[in-house]
Amino acid sequence: MSSDDEFNSEDLAKIEGFDWDEANIVKNREKHGVEPKESEEVFFNTPLIFLKDPKHSTGNERRFGVLGKTNTGRRLEIYFTVRNKRIRVIASWDMNRKSRIVYIAQEEQEKKQKRGEYT
């Protein structure tokens, strides 16, 4: 990976799949109403905003986050680790207001770039 506390699109390109823990599947489904398929979809859609998660990282396991959207446009905030080139989702929930503001700003920026507008 790019560094101990960062994860980016270059790292994502090296990922070979997902590794699901049954307890996390149940937790995300029951507590947040998020299905594994939805979490996986986020990693294949744009924009995808990468987050650091030093608070939950330990010496032997780094945690990261992303803001992204599902194929149906549901905006999710996801926290995960990487084990053996596989993403292991720890938690996934609908973005809160602050995260949505950041994400929508990035969406707008990307739309402008596609139209050839630069800020």
PDB file of N, CA and C in Angstrom:
ATOM      1  N   MET A   1       0.839  -1.181   0.000  1.00  0.00           N
ATOM      2  CA  MET A   1       0.000   0.000   0.000  1.00  0.00           C
ATOM      3  C   MET A   1       0.878   1.235   0.000  1.00  0.00           C
ATOM      4  N   SER A   2       0.229   2.370  -0.313  1.00  0.00           N
ATOM      5  CA  SER A   2       0.978   3.590  -0.496  1.00  0.00           C
ATOM      6  C   SER A   2       1.725   4.020   0.765  1.00  0.00           C
ATOM      7  N   SER A   3       1.128   3.932   1.920  1.00  0.00           N
ATOM      8  CA  SER A   3       1.806   4.203   3.185  1.00  0.00           C
ATOM      9  C   SER A   3       0.995   3.546   4.293  1.00  0.00           C
ATOM     10  N   ASP A   4       1.526   3.605   5.496  1.00  0.00           N
ATOM     11  CA  ASP A   4       0.852   2.934   6.607  1.00  0.00           C
ATOM     12  C   ASP A   4      -0.520   3.510   6.934  1.00  0.00           C
ATOM     13  N   ASP A   5      -0.715   4.806   6.690  1.00  0.00           N
ATOM     14  CA  ASP A   5      -1.985   5.396   7.106  1.00  0.00           C
ATOM     15  C   ASP A   5      -2.814   5.943   5.946  1.00  0.00           C
ATOM     16  N   GLU A   6      -2.468   5.583   4.723  1.00  0.00           N
ATOM     17  CA  GLU A   6      -3.230   6.033   3.568  1.00  0.00           C
ATOM     18  C   GLU A   6      -3.602   4.866   2.671  1.00  0.00           C
ATOM     19  N   PHE A   7      -4.701   5.028   1.983  1.00  0.00           N
ATOM     20  CA  PHE A   7      -5.163   4.064   0.991  1.00  0.00           C
ATOM     21  C   PHE A   7      -5.704   4.901  -0.153  1.00  0.00           C
ATOM     22  N   ASN A   8      -5.339   4.563  -1.390  1.00  0.00           N
ATOM     23  CA  ASN A   8      -5.772   5.387  -2.517  1.00  0.00           C
ATOM     24  C   ASN A   8      -6.138   4.524  -3.720  1.00  0.00           C
ATOM     25  N   SER A   9      -6.418   5.171  -4.840  1.00  0.00           N
ATOM     26  CA  SER A   9      -6.866   4.444  -6.031  1.00  0.00           C
ATOM     27  C   SER A   9      -5.804   3.482  -6.559  1.00  0.00           C
ATOM     28  N   GLU A  10      -4.526   3.790  -6.377  1.00  0.00           N
ATOM     29  CA  GLU A  10      -3.475   2.864  -6.790  1.00  0.00           C
ATOM     30  C   GLU A  10      -3.531   1.588  -5.952  1.00  0.00           C
ATOM     31  N   ASP A  11      -3.790   1.734  -4.663  1.00  0.00           N
ATOM     32  CA  ASP A  11      -3.935   0.569  -3.790  1.00  0.00           C
ATOM     33  C   ASP A  11      -5.180  -0.224  -4.174  1.00  0.00           C
ATOM     34  N   LEU A  12      -6.254   0.477  -4.485  1.00  0.00           N
ATOM     35  CA  LEU A  12      -7.511  -0.174  -4.845  1.00  0.00           C
ATOM     36  C   LEU A  12      -7.334  -1.051  -6.082  1.00  0.00           C
ATOM     37  N   ALA A  13      -6.508  -0.607  -7.012  1.00  0.00           N
ATOM     38  CA  ALA A  13      -6.279  -1.372  -8.247  1.00  0.00           C
ATOM     39  C   ALA A  13      -5.614  -2.727  -7.968  1.00  0.00           C
ATOM     40  N   LYS A  14      -4.967  -2.860  -6.834  1.00  0.00           N
ATOM     41  CA  LYS A  14      -4.273  -4.103  -6.471  1.00  0.00           C
ATOM     42  C   LYS A  14      -5.161  -5.077  -5.688  1.00  0.00           C
ATOM     43  N   ILE A  15      -6.349  -4.635  -5.337  1.00  0.00           N
ATOM     44  CA  ILE A  15      -7.267  -5.463  -4.543  1.00  0.00           C
ATOM     45  C   ILE A  15      -7.830  -6.590  -5.400  1.00  0.00           C
ATOM     46  N   GLU A  16      -7.939  -7.763  -4.796  1.00  0.00           N
ATOM     47  CA  GLU A  16      -8.410  -8.948  -5.522  1.00  0.00           C
ATOM     48  C   GLU A  16      -9.817  -9.384  -5.143  1.00  0.00           C
ATOM     49  N   GLY A  17     -10.462  -8.659  -4.255  1.00  0.00           N
ATOM     50  CA  GLY A  17     -11.818  -9.024  -3.877  1.00  0.00           C
ATOM     51  C   GLY A  17     -12.160  -8.551  -2.478  1.00  0.00           C
ATOM     52  N   PHE A  18     -13.189  -9.178  -1.925  1.00  0.00           N
ATOM     53  CA  PHE A  18     -13.675  -8.819  -0.601  1.00  0.00           C
ATOM     54  C   PHE A  18     -13.631 -10.028   0.317  1.00  0.00           C
ATOM     55  N   ASP A  19     -13.454  -9.772   1.599  1.00  0.00           N
ATOM     56  CA  ASP A  19     -13.419 -10.805   2.623  1.00  0.00           C
ATOM     57  C   ASP A  19     -14.426 -10.389   3.691  1.00  0.00           C
ATOM     58  N   TRP A  20     -15.517 -11.131   3.797  1.00  0.00           N
ATOM     59  CA  TRP A  20     -16.593 -10.748   4.706  1.00  0.00           C
ATOM     60  C   TRP A  20     -16.594 -11.570   5.984  1.00  0.00           C
ATOM     61  N   ASP A  21     -16.708 -10.876   7.094  1.00  0.00           N
ATOM     62  CA  ASP A  21     -16.871 -11.487   8.403  1.00  0.00           C
ATOM     63  C   ASP A  21     -18.375 -11.526   8.693  1.00  0.00           C
ATOM     64  N   GLU A  22     -18.896 -12.680   9.053  1.00  0.00           N
ATOM     65  CA  GLU A  22     -20.340 -12.834   9.266  1.00  0.00           C
ATOM     66  C   GLU A  22     -20.877 -11.853  10.306  1.00  0.00           C
ATOM     67  N   ALA A  23     -20.132 -11.615  11.372  1.00  0.00           N
ATOM     68  CA  ALA A  23     -20.592 -10.684  12.408  1.00  0.00           C
ATOM     69  C   ALA A  23     -20.729  -9.265  11.849  1.00  0.00           C
ATOM     70  N   ASN A  24     -19.810  -8.850  10.971  1.00  0.00           N
ATOM     71  CA  ASN A  24     -19.903  -7.521  10.367  1.00  0.00           C
ATOM     72  C   ASN A  24     -21.064  -7.430   9.379  1.00  0.00           C
ATOM     73  N   ILE A  25     -21.341  -8.517   8.673  1.00  0.00           N
ATOM     74  CA  ILE A  25     -22.500  -8.538   7.766  1.00  0.00           C
ATOM     75  C   ILE A  25     -23.775  -8.294   8.569  1.00  0.00           C
ATOM     76  N   VAL A  26     -23.933  -9.030   9.647  1.00  0.00           N
ATOM     77  CA  VAL A  26     -25.128  -8.910  10.492  1.00  0.00           C
ATOM     78  C   VAL A  26     -25.210  -7.513  11.102  1.00  0.00           C
ATOM     79  N   LYS A  27     -24.094  -7.019  11.626  1.00  0.00           N
ATOM     80  CA  LYS A  27     -24.069  -5.690  12.257  1.00  0.00           C
ATOM     81  C   LYS A  27     -24.478  -4.613  11.260  1.00  0.00           C
ATOM     82  N   ASN A  28     -23.894  -4.625  10.076  1.00  0.00           N
ATOM     83  CA  ASN A  28     -24.201  -3.590   9.081  1.00  0.00           C
ATOM     84  C   ASN A  28     -25.640  -3.688   8.586  1.00  0.00           C
ATOM     85  N   ARG A  29     -26.132  -4.899   8.450  1.00  0.00           N
ATOM     86  CA  ARG A  29     -27.510  -5.108   7.999  1.00  0.00           C
ATOM     87  C   ARG A  29     -28.507  -4.642   9.066  1.00  0.00           C
ATOM     88  N   GLU A  30     -28.314  -5.091  10.307  1.00  0.00           N
ATOM     89  CA  GLU A  30     -29.280  -4.806  11.373  1.00  0.00           C
ATOM     90  C   GLU A  30     -29.187  -3.375  11.900  1.00  0.00           C
ATOM     91  N   LYS A  31     -27.976  -2.880  12.077  1.00  0.00           N
ATOM     92  CA  LYS A  31     -27.786  -1.556  12.668  1.00  0.00           C
ATOM     93  C   LYS A  31     -27.941  -0.432  11.649  1.00  0.00           C
ATOM     94  N   HIS A  32     -27.493  -0.677  10.393  1.00  0.00           N
ATOM     95  CA  HIS A  32     -27.455   0.393   9.407  1.00  0.00           C
ATOM     96  C   HIS A  32     -28.265   0.118   8.136  1.00  0.00           C
ATOM     97  N   GLY A  33     -28.821  -1.091   8.004  1.00  0.00           N
ATOM     98  CA  GLY A  33     -29.609  -1.423   6.829  1.00  0.00           C
ATOM     99  C   GLY A  33     -28.805  -1.504   5.543  1.00  0.00           C
ATOM    100  N   VAL A  34     -27.524  -1.851   5.658  1.00  0.00           N
ATOM    101  CA  VAL A  34     -26.647  -1.914   4.495  1.00  0.00           C
ATOM    102  C   VAL A  34     -26.289  -3.372   4.199  1.00  0.00           C
ATOM    103  N   GLU A  35     -26.495  -3.783   2.958  1.00  0.00           N
ATOM    104  CA  GLU A  35     -26.168  -5.130   2.511  1.00  0.00           C
ATOM    105  C   GLU A  35     -24.729  -5.181   1.986  1.00  0.00           C
ATOM    106  N   PRO A  36     -24.065  -6.339   2.086  1.00  0.00           N
ATOM    107  CA  PRO A  36     -22.690  -6.458   1.583  1.00  0.00           C
ATOM    108  C   PRO A  36     -22.533  -6.006   0.132  1.00  0.00           C
ATOM    109  N   LYS A  37     -23.487  -6.369  -0.708  1.00  0.00           N
ATOM    110  CA  LYS A  37     -23.423  -5.997  -2.127  1.00  0.00           C
ATOM    111  C   LYS A  37     -23.345  -4.481  -2.293  1.00  0.00           C
ATOM    112  N   GLU A  38     -24.097  -3.751  -1.487  1.00  0.00           N
ATOM    113  CA  GLU A  38     -24.076  -2.294  -1.567  1.00  0.00           C
ATOM    114  C   GLU A  38     -22.696  -1.745  -1.200  1.00  0.00           C
ATOM    115  N   SER A  39     -22.121  -2.289  -0.147  1.00  0.00           N
ATOM    116  CA  SER A  39     -20.782  -1.844   0.261  1.00  0.00           C
ATOM    117  C   SER A  39     -19.764  -2.114  -0.837  1.00  0.00           C
ATOM    118  N   GLU A  40     -19.848  -3.268  -1.459  1.00  0.00           N
ATOM    119  CA  GLU A  40     -18.911  -3.616  -2.523  1.00  0.00           C
ATOM    120  C   GLU A  40     -19.068  -2.676  -3.721  1.00  0.00           C
ATOM    121  N   GLU A  41     -20.304  -2.341  -4.073  1.00  0.00           N
ATOM    122  CA  GLU A  41     -20.557  -1.469  -5.222  1.00  0.00           C
ATOM    123  C   GLU A  41     -19.857  -0.120  -5.091  1.00  0.00           C
ATOM    124  N   VAL A  42     -19.797   0.390  -3.872  1.00  0.00           N
ATOM    125  CA  VAL A  42     -19.193   1.701  -3.638  1.00  0.00           C
ATOM    126  C   VAL A  42     -17.774   1.779  -4.199  1.00  0.00           C
ATOM    127  N   PHE A  43     -17.014   0.704  -4.077  1.00  0.00           N
ATOM    128  CA  PHE A  43     -15.611   0.707  -4.500  1.00  0.00           C
ATOM    129  C   PHE A  43     -15.443   0.744  -6.017  1.00  0.00           C
ATOM    130  N   PHE A  44     -16.530   0.557  -6.754  1.00  0.00           N
ATOM    131  CA  PHE A  44     -16.473   0.553  -8.221  1.00  0.00           C
ATOM    132  C   PHE A  44     -17.132   1.776  -8.847  1.00  0.00           C
ATOM    133  N   ASN A  45     -17.624   2.696  -8.024  1.00  0.00           N
ATOM    134  CA  ASN A  45     -18.298   3.889  -8.518  1.00  0.00           C
ATOM    135  C   ASN A  45     -17.498   5.134  -8.172  1.00  0.00           C
ATOM    136  N   THR A  46     -17.774   6.202  -8.919  1.00  0.00           N
ATOM    137  CA  THR A  46     -17.098   7.464  -8.656  1.00  0.00           C
ATOM    138  C   THR A  46     -18.134   8.530  -8.348  1.00  0.00           C
ATOM    139  N   PRO A  47     -17.728   9.562  -7.626  1.00  0.00           N
ATOM    140  CA  PRO A  47     -16.414   9.681  -7.018  1.00  0.00           C
ATOM    141  C   PRO A  47     -16.274   8.759  -5.805  1.00  0.00           C
ATOM    142  N   LEU A  48     -15.046   8.444  -5.491  1.00  0.00           N
ATOM    143  CA  LEU A  48     -14.709   7.652  -4.312  1.00  0.00           C
ATOM    144  C   LEU A  48     -13.680   8.464  -3.539  1.00  0.00           C
ATOM    145  N   ILE A  49     -14.055   8.896  -2.360  1.00  0.00           N
ATOM    146  CA  ILE A  49     -13.186   9.739  -1.541  1.00  0.00           C
ATOM    147  C   ILE A  49     -12.566   8.879  -0.454  1.00  0.00           C
ATOM    148  N   PHE A  50     -11.248   8.845  -0.407  1.00  0.00           N
ATOM    149  CA  PHE A  50     -10.520   8.029   0.558  1.00  0.00           C
ATOM    150  C   PHE A  50     -10.294   8.807   1.850  1.00  0.00           C
ATOM    151  N   LEU A  51     -10.457   8.116   2.973  1.00  0.00           N
ATOM    152  CA  LEU A  51     -10.302   8.711   4.300  1.00  0.00           C
ATOM    153  C   LEU A  51      -9.256   7.950   5.099  1.00  0.00           C
ATOM    154  N   LYS A  52      -8.597   8.648   5.994  1.00  0.00           N
ATOM    155  CA  LYS A  52      -7.693   8.009   6.939  1.00  0.00           C
ATOM    156  C   LYS A  52      -8.501   7.639   8.183  1.00  0.00           C
ATOM    157  N   ASP A  53      -8.090   6.621   8.892  1.00  0.00           N
ATOM    158  CA  ASP A  53      -8.749   6.248  10.144  1.00  0.00           C
ATOM    159  C   ASP A  53      -7.700   5.848  11.184  1.00  0.00           C
ATOM    160  N   PRO A  54      -6.814   6.784  11.555  1.00  0.00           N
ATOM    161  CA  PRO A  54      -5.762   6.449  12.514  1.00  0.00           C
ATOM    162  C   PRO A  54      -6.307   6.099  13.900  1.00  0.00           C
ATOM    163  N   LYS A  55      -7.471   6.633  14.238  1.00  0.00           N
ATOM    164  CA  LYS A  55      -8.067   6.376  15.554  1.00  0.00           C
ATOM    165  C   LYS A  55      -8.349   4.889  15.770  1.00  0.00           C
ATOM    166  N   HIS A  56      -8.755   4.188  14.704  1.00  0.00           N
ATOM    167  CA  HIS A  56      -9.105   2.784  14.833  1.00  0.00           C
ATOM    168  C   HIS A  56      -8.020   1.840  14.296  1.00  0.00           C
ATOM    169  N   SER A  57      -6.931   2.415  13.811  1.00  0.00           N
ATOM    170  CA  SER A  57      -5.818   1.591  13.337  1.00  0.00           C
ATOM    171  C   SER A  57      -4.978   1.146  14.525  1.00  0.00           C
ATOM    172  N   THR A  58      -4.424  -0.051  14.403  1.00  0.00           N
ATOM    173  CA  THR A  58      -3.529  -0.557  15.441  1.00  0.00           C
ATOM    174  C   THR A  58      -2.166  -0.824  14.809  1.00  0.00           C
ATOM    175  N   GLY A  59      -1.223  -1.239  15.611  1.00  0.00           N
ATOM    176  CA  GLY A  59       0.116  -1.509  15.105  1.00  0.00           C
ATOM    177  C   GLY A  59       0.159  -2.545  14.001  1.00  0.00           C
ATOM    178  N   ASN A  60      -0.717  -3.533  14.072  1.00  0.00           N
ATOM    179  CA  ASN A  60      -0.681  -4.596  13.063  1.00  0.00           C
ATOM    180  C   ASN A  60      -1.856  -4.566  12.088  1.00  0.00           C
ATOM    181  N   GLU A  61      -2.791  -3.621  12.252  1.00  0.00           N
ATOM    182  CA  GLU A  61      -3.907  -3.537  11.310  1.00  0.00           C
ATOM    183  C   GLU A  61      -4.295  -2.083  11.073  1.00  0.00           C
ATOM    184  N   ARG A  62      -4.126  -1.640   9.841  1.00  0.00           N
ATOM    185  CA  ARG A  62      -4.498  -0.280   9.455  1.00  0.00           C
ATOM    186  C   ARG A  62      -5.952  -0.271   8.985  1.00  0.00           C
ATOM    187  N   ARG A  63      -6.661   0.766   9.370  1.00  0.00           N
ATOM    188  CA  ARG A  63      -8.049   0.933   8.928  1.00  0.00           C
ATOM    189  C   ARG A  63      -8.164   2.189   8.095  1.00  0.00           C
ATOM    190  N   PHE A  64      -9.068   2.129   7.141  1.00  0.00           N
ATOM    191  CA  PHE A  64      -9.280   3.219   6.197  1.00  0.00           C
ATOM    192  C   PHE A  64     -10.765   3.437   6.014  1.00  0.00           C
ATOM    193  N   GLY A  65     -11.110   4.528   5.373  1.00  0.00           N
ATOM    194  CA  GLY A  65     -12.503   4.807   5.083  1.00  0.00           C
ATOM    195  C   GLY A  65     -12.670   5.316   3.672  1.00  0.00           C
ATOM    196  N   VAL A  66     -13.902   5.233   3.180  1.00  0.00           N
ATOM    197  CA  VAL A  66     -14.257   5.821   1.889  1.00  0.00           C
ATOM    198  C   VAL A  66     -15.654   6.413   1.973  1.00  0.00           C
ATOM    199  N   LEU A  67     -15.853   7.450   1.178  1.00  0.00           N
ATOM    200  CA  LEU A  67     -17.185   7.982   0.925  1.00  0.00           C
ATOM    201  C   LEU A  67     -17.479   7.644  -0.521  1.00  0.00           C
ATOM    202  N   GLY A  68     -18.647   7.058  -0.767  1.00  0.00           N
ATOM    203  CA  GLY A  68     -18.980   6.680  -2.134  1.00  0.00           C
ATOM    204  C   GLY A  68     -20.455   6.377  -2.263  1.00  0.00           C
ATOM    205  N   LYS A  69     -20.827   5.922  -3.468  1.00  0.00           N
ATOM    206  CA  LYS A  69     -22.242   5.637  -3.697  1.00  0.00           C
ATOM    207  C   LYS A  69     -22.422   4.263  -4.332  1.00  0.00           C
ATOM    208  N   THR A  70     -23.595   3.702  -4.081  1.00  0.00           N
ATOM    209  CA  THR A  70     -23.956   2.400  -4.641  1.00  0.00           C
ATOM    210  C   THR A  70     -24.432   2.589  -6.079  1.00  0.00           C
ATOM    211  N   ASN A  71     -24.743   1.501  -6.745  1.00  0.00           N
ATOM    212  CA  ASN A  71     -25.262   1.574  -8.111  1.00  0.00           C
ATOM    213  C   ASN A  71     -26.609   2.295  -8.176  1.00  0.00           C
ATOM    214  N   THR A  72     -27.338   2.314  -7.065  1.00  0.00           N
ATOM    215  CA  THR A  72     -28.632   3.009  -7.034  1.00  0.00           C
ATOM    216  C   THR A  72     -28.501   4.445  -6.524  1.00  0.00           C
ATOM    217  N   GLY A  73     -27.273   4.891  -6.232  1.00  0.00           N
ATOM    218  CA  GLY A  73     -27.047   6.260  -5.784  1.00  0.00           C
ATOM    219  C   GLY A  73     -27.079   6.461  -4.283  1.00  0.00           C
ATOM    220  N   ARG A  74     -27.213   5.403  -3.521  1.00  0.00           N
ATOM    221  CA  ARG A  74     -27.193   5.517  -2.059  1.00  0.00           C
ATOM    222  C   ARG A  74     -25.781   5.901  -1.627  1.00  0.00           C
ATOM    223  N   ARG A  75     -25.665   6.968  -0.872  1.00  0.00           N
ATOM    224  CA  ARG A  75     -24.357   7.457  -0.435  1.00  0.00           C
ATOM    225  C   ARG A  75     -23.979   6.808   0.892  1.00  0.00           C
ATOM    226  N   LEU A  76     -22.842   6.099   0.885  1.00  0.00           N
ATOM    227  CA  LEU A  76     -22.388   5.373   2.073  1.00  0.00           C
ATOM    228  C   LEU A  76     -21.014   5.834   2.539  1.00  0.00           C
ATOM    229  N   GLU A  77     -20.800   5.709   3.830  1.00  0.00           N
ATOM    230  CA  GLU A  77     -19.491   5.900   4.452  1.00  0.00           C
ATOM    231  C   GLU A  77     -19.076   4.521   4.941  1.00  0.00           C
ATOM    232  N   ILE A  78     -17.902   4.084   4.522  1.00  0.00           N
ATOM    233  CA  ILE A  78     -17.460   2.718   4.802  1.00  0.00           C
ATOM    234  C   ILE A  78     -16.082   2.740   5.445  1.00  0.00           C
ATOM    235  N   TYR A  79     -15.906   1.917   6.461  1.00  0.00           N
ATOM    236  CA  TYR A  79     -14.596   1.736   7.085  1.00  0.00           C
ATOM    237  C   TYR A  79     -14.182   0.290   6.909  1.00  0.00           C
ATOM    238  N   PHE A  80     -12.905   0.092   6.595  1.00  0.00           N
ATOM    239  CA  PHE A  80     -12.429  -1.235   6.205  1.00  0.00           C
ATOM    240  C   PHE A  80     -10.948  -1.398   6.517  1.00  0.00           C
ATOM    241  N   THR A  81     -10.505  -2.630   6.402  1.00  0.00           N
ATOM    242  CA  THR A  81      -9.087  -2.944   6.470  1.00  0.00           C
ATOM    243  C   THR A  81      -8.775  -3.791   5.239  1.00  0.00           C
ATOM    244  N   VAL A  82      -7.509  -4.028   4.992  1.00  0.00           N
ATOM    245  CA  VAL A  82      -7.094  -4.871   3.872  1.00  0.00           C
ATOM    246  C   VAL A  82      -6.323  -6.052   4.438  1.00  0.00           C
ATOM    247  N   ARG A  83      -6.765  -7.249   4.059  1.00  0.00           N
ATOM    248  CA  ARG A  83      -6.094  -8.481   4.474  1.00  0.00           C
ATOM    249  C   ARG A  83      -5.859  -9.345   3.245  1.00  0.00           C
ATOM    250  N   ASN A  84      -4.617  -9.703   2.999  1.00  0.00           N
ATOM    251  CA  ASN A  84      -4.279 -10.564   1.866  1.00  0.00           C
ATOM    252  C   ASN A  84      -4.889 -10.071   0.556  1.00  0.00           C
ATOM    253  N   LYS A  85      -4.728  -8.789   0.270  1.00  0.00           N
ATOM    254  CA  LYS A  85      -5.205  -8.158  -0.962  1.00  0.00           C
ATOM    255  C   LYS A  85      -6.724  -8.180  -1.103  1.00  0.00           C
ATOM    256  N   ARG A  86      -7.423  -8.289   0.028  1.00  0.00           N
ATOM    257  CA  ARG A  86      -8.888  -8.274   0.020  1.00  0.00           C
ATOM    258  C   ARG A  86      -9.394  -7.206   0.981  1.00  0.00           C
ATOM    259  N   ILE A  87     -10.447  -6.534   0.572  1.00  0.00           N
ATOM    260  CA  ILE A  87     -11.075  -5.530   1.430  1.00  0.00           C
ATOM    261  C   ILE A  87     -11.998  -6.241   2.403  1.00  0.00           C
ATOM    262  N   ARG A  88     -11.821  -5.926   3.675  1.00  0.00           N
ATOM    263  CA  ARG A  88     -12.683  -6.474   4.729  1.00  0.00           C
ATOM    264  C   ARG A  88     -13.443  -5.303   5.339  1.00  0.00           C
ATOM    265  N   VAL A  89     -14.716  -5.200   4.987  1.00  0.00           N
ATOM    266  CA  VAL A  89     -15.544  -4.094   5.476  1.00  0.00           C
ATOM    267  C   VAL A  89     -15.842  -4.311   6.956  1.00  0.00           C
ATOM    268  N   ILE A  90     -15.539  -3.286   7.737  1.00  0.00           N
ATOM    269  CA  ILE A  90     -15.807  -3.329   9.176  1.00  0.00           C
ATOM    270  C   ILE A  90     -17.187  -2.735   9.451  1.00  0.00           C
ATOM    271  N   ALA A  91     -17.438  -1.545   8.879  1.00  0.00           N
ATOM    272  CA  ALA A  91     -18.706  -0.855   9.111  1.00  0.00           C
ATOM    273  C   ALA A  91     -19.097  -0.059   7.878  1.00  0.00           C
ATOM    274  N   SER A  92     -20.393   0.023   7.646  1.00  0.00           N
ATOM    275  CA  SER A  92     -20.925   0.733   6.485  1.00  0.00           C
ATOM    276  C   SER A  92     -22.275   1.330   6.857  1.00  0.00           C
ATOM    277  N   TRP A  93     -22.427   2.646   6.607  1.00  0.00           N
ATOM    278  CA  TRP A  93     -23.683   3.303   6.939  1.00  0.00           C
ATOM    279  C   TRP A  93     -23.930   4.462   5.992  1.00  0.00           C
ATOM    280  N   ASP A  94     -25.158   4.989   6.022  1.00  0.00           N
ATOM    281  CA  ASP A  94     -25.487   6.157   5.211  1.00  0.00           C
ATOM    282  C   ASP A  94     -24.654   7.344   5.696  1.00  0.00           C
ATOM    283  N   MET A  95     -24.198   8.148   4.730  1.00  0.00           N
ATOM    284  CA  MET A  95     -23.402   9.324   5.084  1.00  0.00           C
ATOM    285  C   MET A  95     -24.208  10.264   5.975  1.00  0.00           C
ATOM    286  N   ASN A  96     -23.505  10.866   6.919  1.00  0.00           N
ATOM    287  CA  ASN A  96     -24.133  11.913   7.728  1.00  0.00           C
ATOM    288  C   ASN A  96     -24.074  13.233   6.949  1.00  0.00           C
ATOM    289  N   ARG A  97     -24.644  14.268   7.492  1.00  0.00           N
ATOM    290  CA  ARG A  97     -24.736  15.554   6.799  1.00  0.00           C
ATOM    291  C   ARG A  97     -23.361  16.076   6.388  1.00  0.00           C
ATOM    292  N   LYS A  98     -22.408  16.046   7.287  1.00  0.00           N
ATOM    293  CA  LYS A  98     -21.065  16.556   7.005  1.00  0.00           C
ATOM    294  C   LYS A  98     -20.407  15.777   5.855  1.00  0.00           C
ATOM    295  N   SER A  99     -20.520  14.468   5.885  1.00  0.00           N
ATOM    296  CA  SER A  99     -19.942  13.633   4.828  1.00  0.00           C
ATOM    297  C   SER A  99     -20.634  13.883   3.493  1.00  0.00           C
ATOM    298  N   ARG A 100     -21.953  14.044   3.516  1.00  0.00           N
ATOM    299  CA  ARG A 100     -22.695  14.324   2.277  1.00  0.00           C
ATOM    300  C   ARG A 100     -22.239  15.626   1.643  1.00  0.00           C
ATOM    301  N   ILE A 101     -22.010  16.650   2.456  1.00  0.00           N
ATOM    302  CA  ILE A 101     -21.554  17.940   1.939  1.00  0.00           C
ATOM    303  C   ILE A 101     -20.217  17.769   1.214  1.00  0.00           C
ATOM    304  N   VAL A 102     -19.293  17.059   1.829  1.00  0.00           N
ATOM    305  CA  VAL A 102     -17.983  16.803   1.212  1.00  0.00           C
ATOM    306  C   VAL A 102     -18.152  16.017  -0.080  1.00  0.00           C
ATOM    307  N   TYR A 103     -18.993  14.991  -0.032  1.00  0.00           N
ATOM    308  CA  TYR A 103     -19.170  14.124  -1.191  1.00  0.00           C
ATOM    309  C   TYR A 103     -19.847  14.858  -2.355  1.00  0.00           C
ATOM    310  N   ILE A 104     -20.891  15.592  -2.065  1.00  0.00           N
ATOM    311  CA  ILE A 104     -21.605  16.324  -3.111  1.00  0.00           C
ATOM    312  C   ILE A 104     -20.692  17.360  -3.761  1.00  0.00           C
ATOM    313  N   ALA A 105     -19.851  18.012  -2.976  1.00  0.00           N
ATOM    314  CA  ALA A 105     -18.890  18.973  -3.535  1.00  0.00           C
ATOM    315  C   ALA A 105     -17.953  18.273  -4.513  1.00  0.00           C
ATOM    316  N   GLN A 106     -17.512  17.076  -4.178  1.00  0.00           N
ATOM    317  CA  GLN A 106     -16.629  16.316  -5.074  1.00  0.00           C
ATOM    318  C   GLN A 106     -17.380  15.888  -6.336  1.00  0.00           C
ATOM    319  N   GLU A 107     -18.628  15.472  -6.180  1.00  0.00           N
ATOM    320  CA  GLU A 107     -19.445  15.118  -7.354  1.00  0.00           C
ATOM    321  C   GLU A 107     -19.559  16.304  -8.308  1.00  0.00           C
ATOM    322  N   GLU A 108     -19.838  17.478  -7.748  1.00  0.00           N
ATOM    323  CA  GLU A 108     -19.973  18.686  -8.564  1.00  0.00           C
ATOM    324  C   GLU A 108     -18.665  19.027  -9.265  1.00  0.00           C
ATOM    325  N   GLN A 109     -17.562  18.890  -8.563  1.00  0.00           N
ATOM    326  CA  GLN A 109     -16.251  19.151  -9.150  1.00  0.00           C
ATOM    327  C   GLN A 109     -16.003  18.225 -10.338  1.00  0.00           C
ATOM    328  N   GLU A 110     -16.311  16.954 -10.181  1.00  0.00           N
ATOM    329  CA  GLU A 110     -16.104  15.988 -11.264  1.00  0.00           C
ATOM    330  C   GLU A 110     -17.015  16.279 -12.455  1.00  0.00           C
ATOM    331  N   LYS A 111     -18.245  16.702 -12.185  1.00  0.00           N
ATOM    332  CA  LYS A 111     -19.161  17.058 -13.282  1.00  0.00           C
ATOM    333  C   LYS A 111     -18.606  18.235 -14.084  1.00  0.00           C
ATOM    334  N   LYS A 112     -18.080  19.231 -13.379  1.00  0.00           N
ATOM    335  CA  LYS A 112     -17.494  20.395 -14.052  1.00  0.00           C
ATOM    336  C   LYS A 112     -16.299  19.986 -14.911  1.00  0.00           C
ATOM    337  N   GLN A 113     -15.475  19.109 -14.371  1.00  0.00           N
ATOM    338  CA  GLN A 113     -14.308  18.654 -15.126  1.00  0.00           C
ATOM    339  C   GLN A 113     -14.733  17.921 -16.394  1.00  0.00           C
ATOM    340  N   LYS A 114     -15.769  17.112 -16.312  1.00  0.00           N
ATOM    341  CA  LYS A 114     -16.260  16.374 -17.492  1.00  0.00           C
ATOM    342  C   LYS A 114     -16.797  17.335 -18.545  1.00  0.00           C
ATOM    343  N   ARG A 115     -17.382  18.442 -18.100  1.00  0.00           N
ATOM    344  CA  ARG A 115     -17.917  19.420 -19.044  1.00  0.00           C
ATOM    345  C   ARG A 115     -16.823  20.365 -19.548  1.00  0.00           C
ATOM    346  N   GLY A 116     -15.620  20.212 -19.030  1.00  0.00           N
ATOM    347  CA  GLY A 116     -14.521  21.071 -19.463  1.00  0.00           C
ATOM    348  C   GLY A 116     -14.443  22.390 -18.715  1.00  0.00           C
ATOM    349  N   GLU A 117     -15.194  22.490 -17.612  1.00  0.00           N
ATOM    350  CA  GLU A 117     -15.137  23.689 -16.784  1.00  0.00           C
ATOM    351  C   GLU A 117     -14.073  23.468 -15.717  1.00  0.00           C
ATOM    352  N   TYR A 118     -13.305  24.483 -15.437  1.00  0.00           N
ATOM    353  CA  TYR A 118     -12.250  24.354 -14.430  1.00  0.00           C
ATOM    354  C   TYR A 118     -12.409  25.450 -13.392  1.00  0.00           C
ATOM    355  N   THR A 119     -12.155  25.063 -12.149  1.00  0.00           N
ATOM    356  CA  THR A 119     -12.268  26.053 -11.076  1.00  0.00           C
ATOM    357  C   THR A 119     -10.921  26.323 -10.478  1.00  0.00           C
TER     358      THR A 119
END
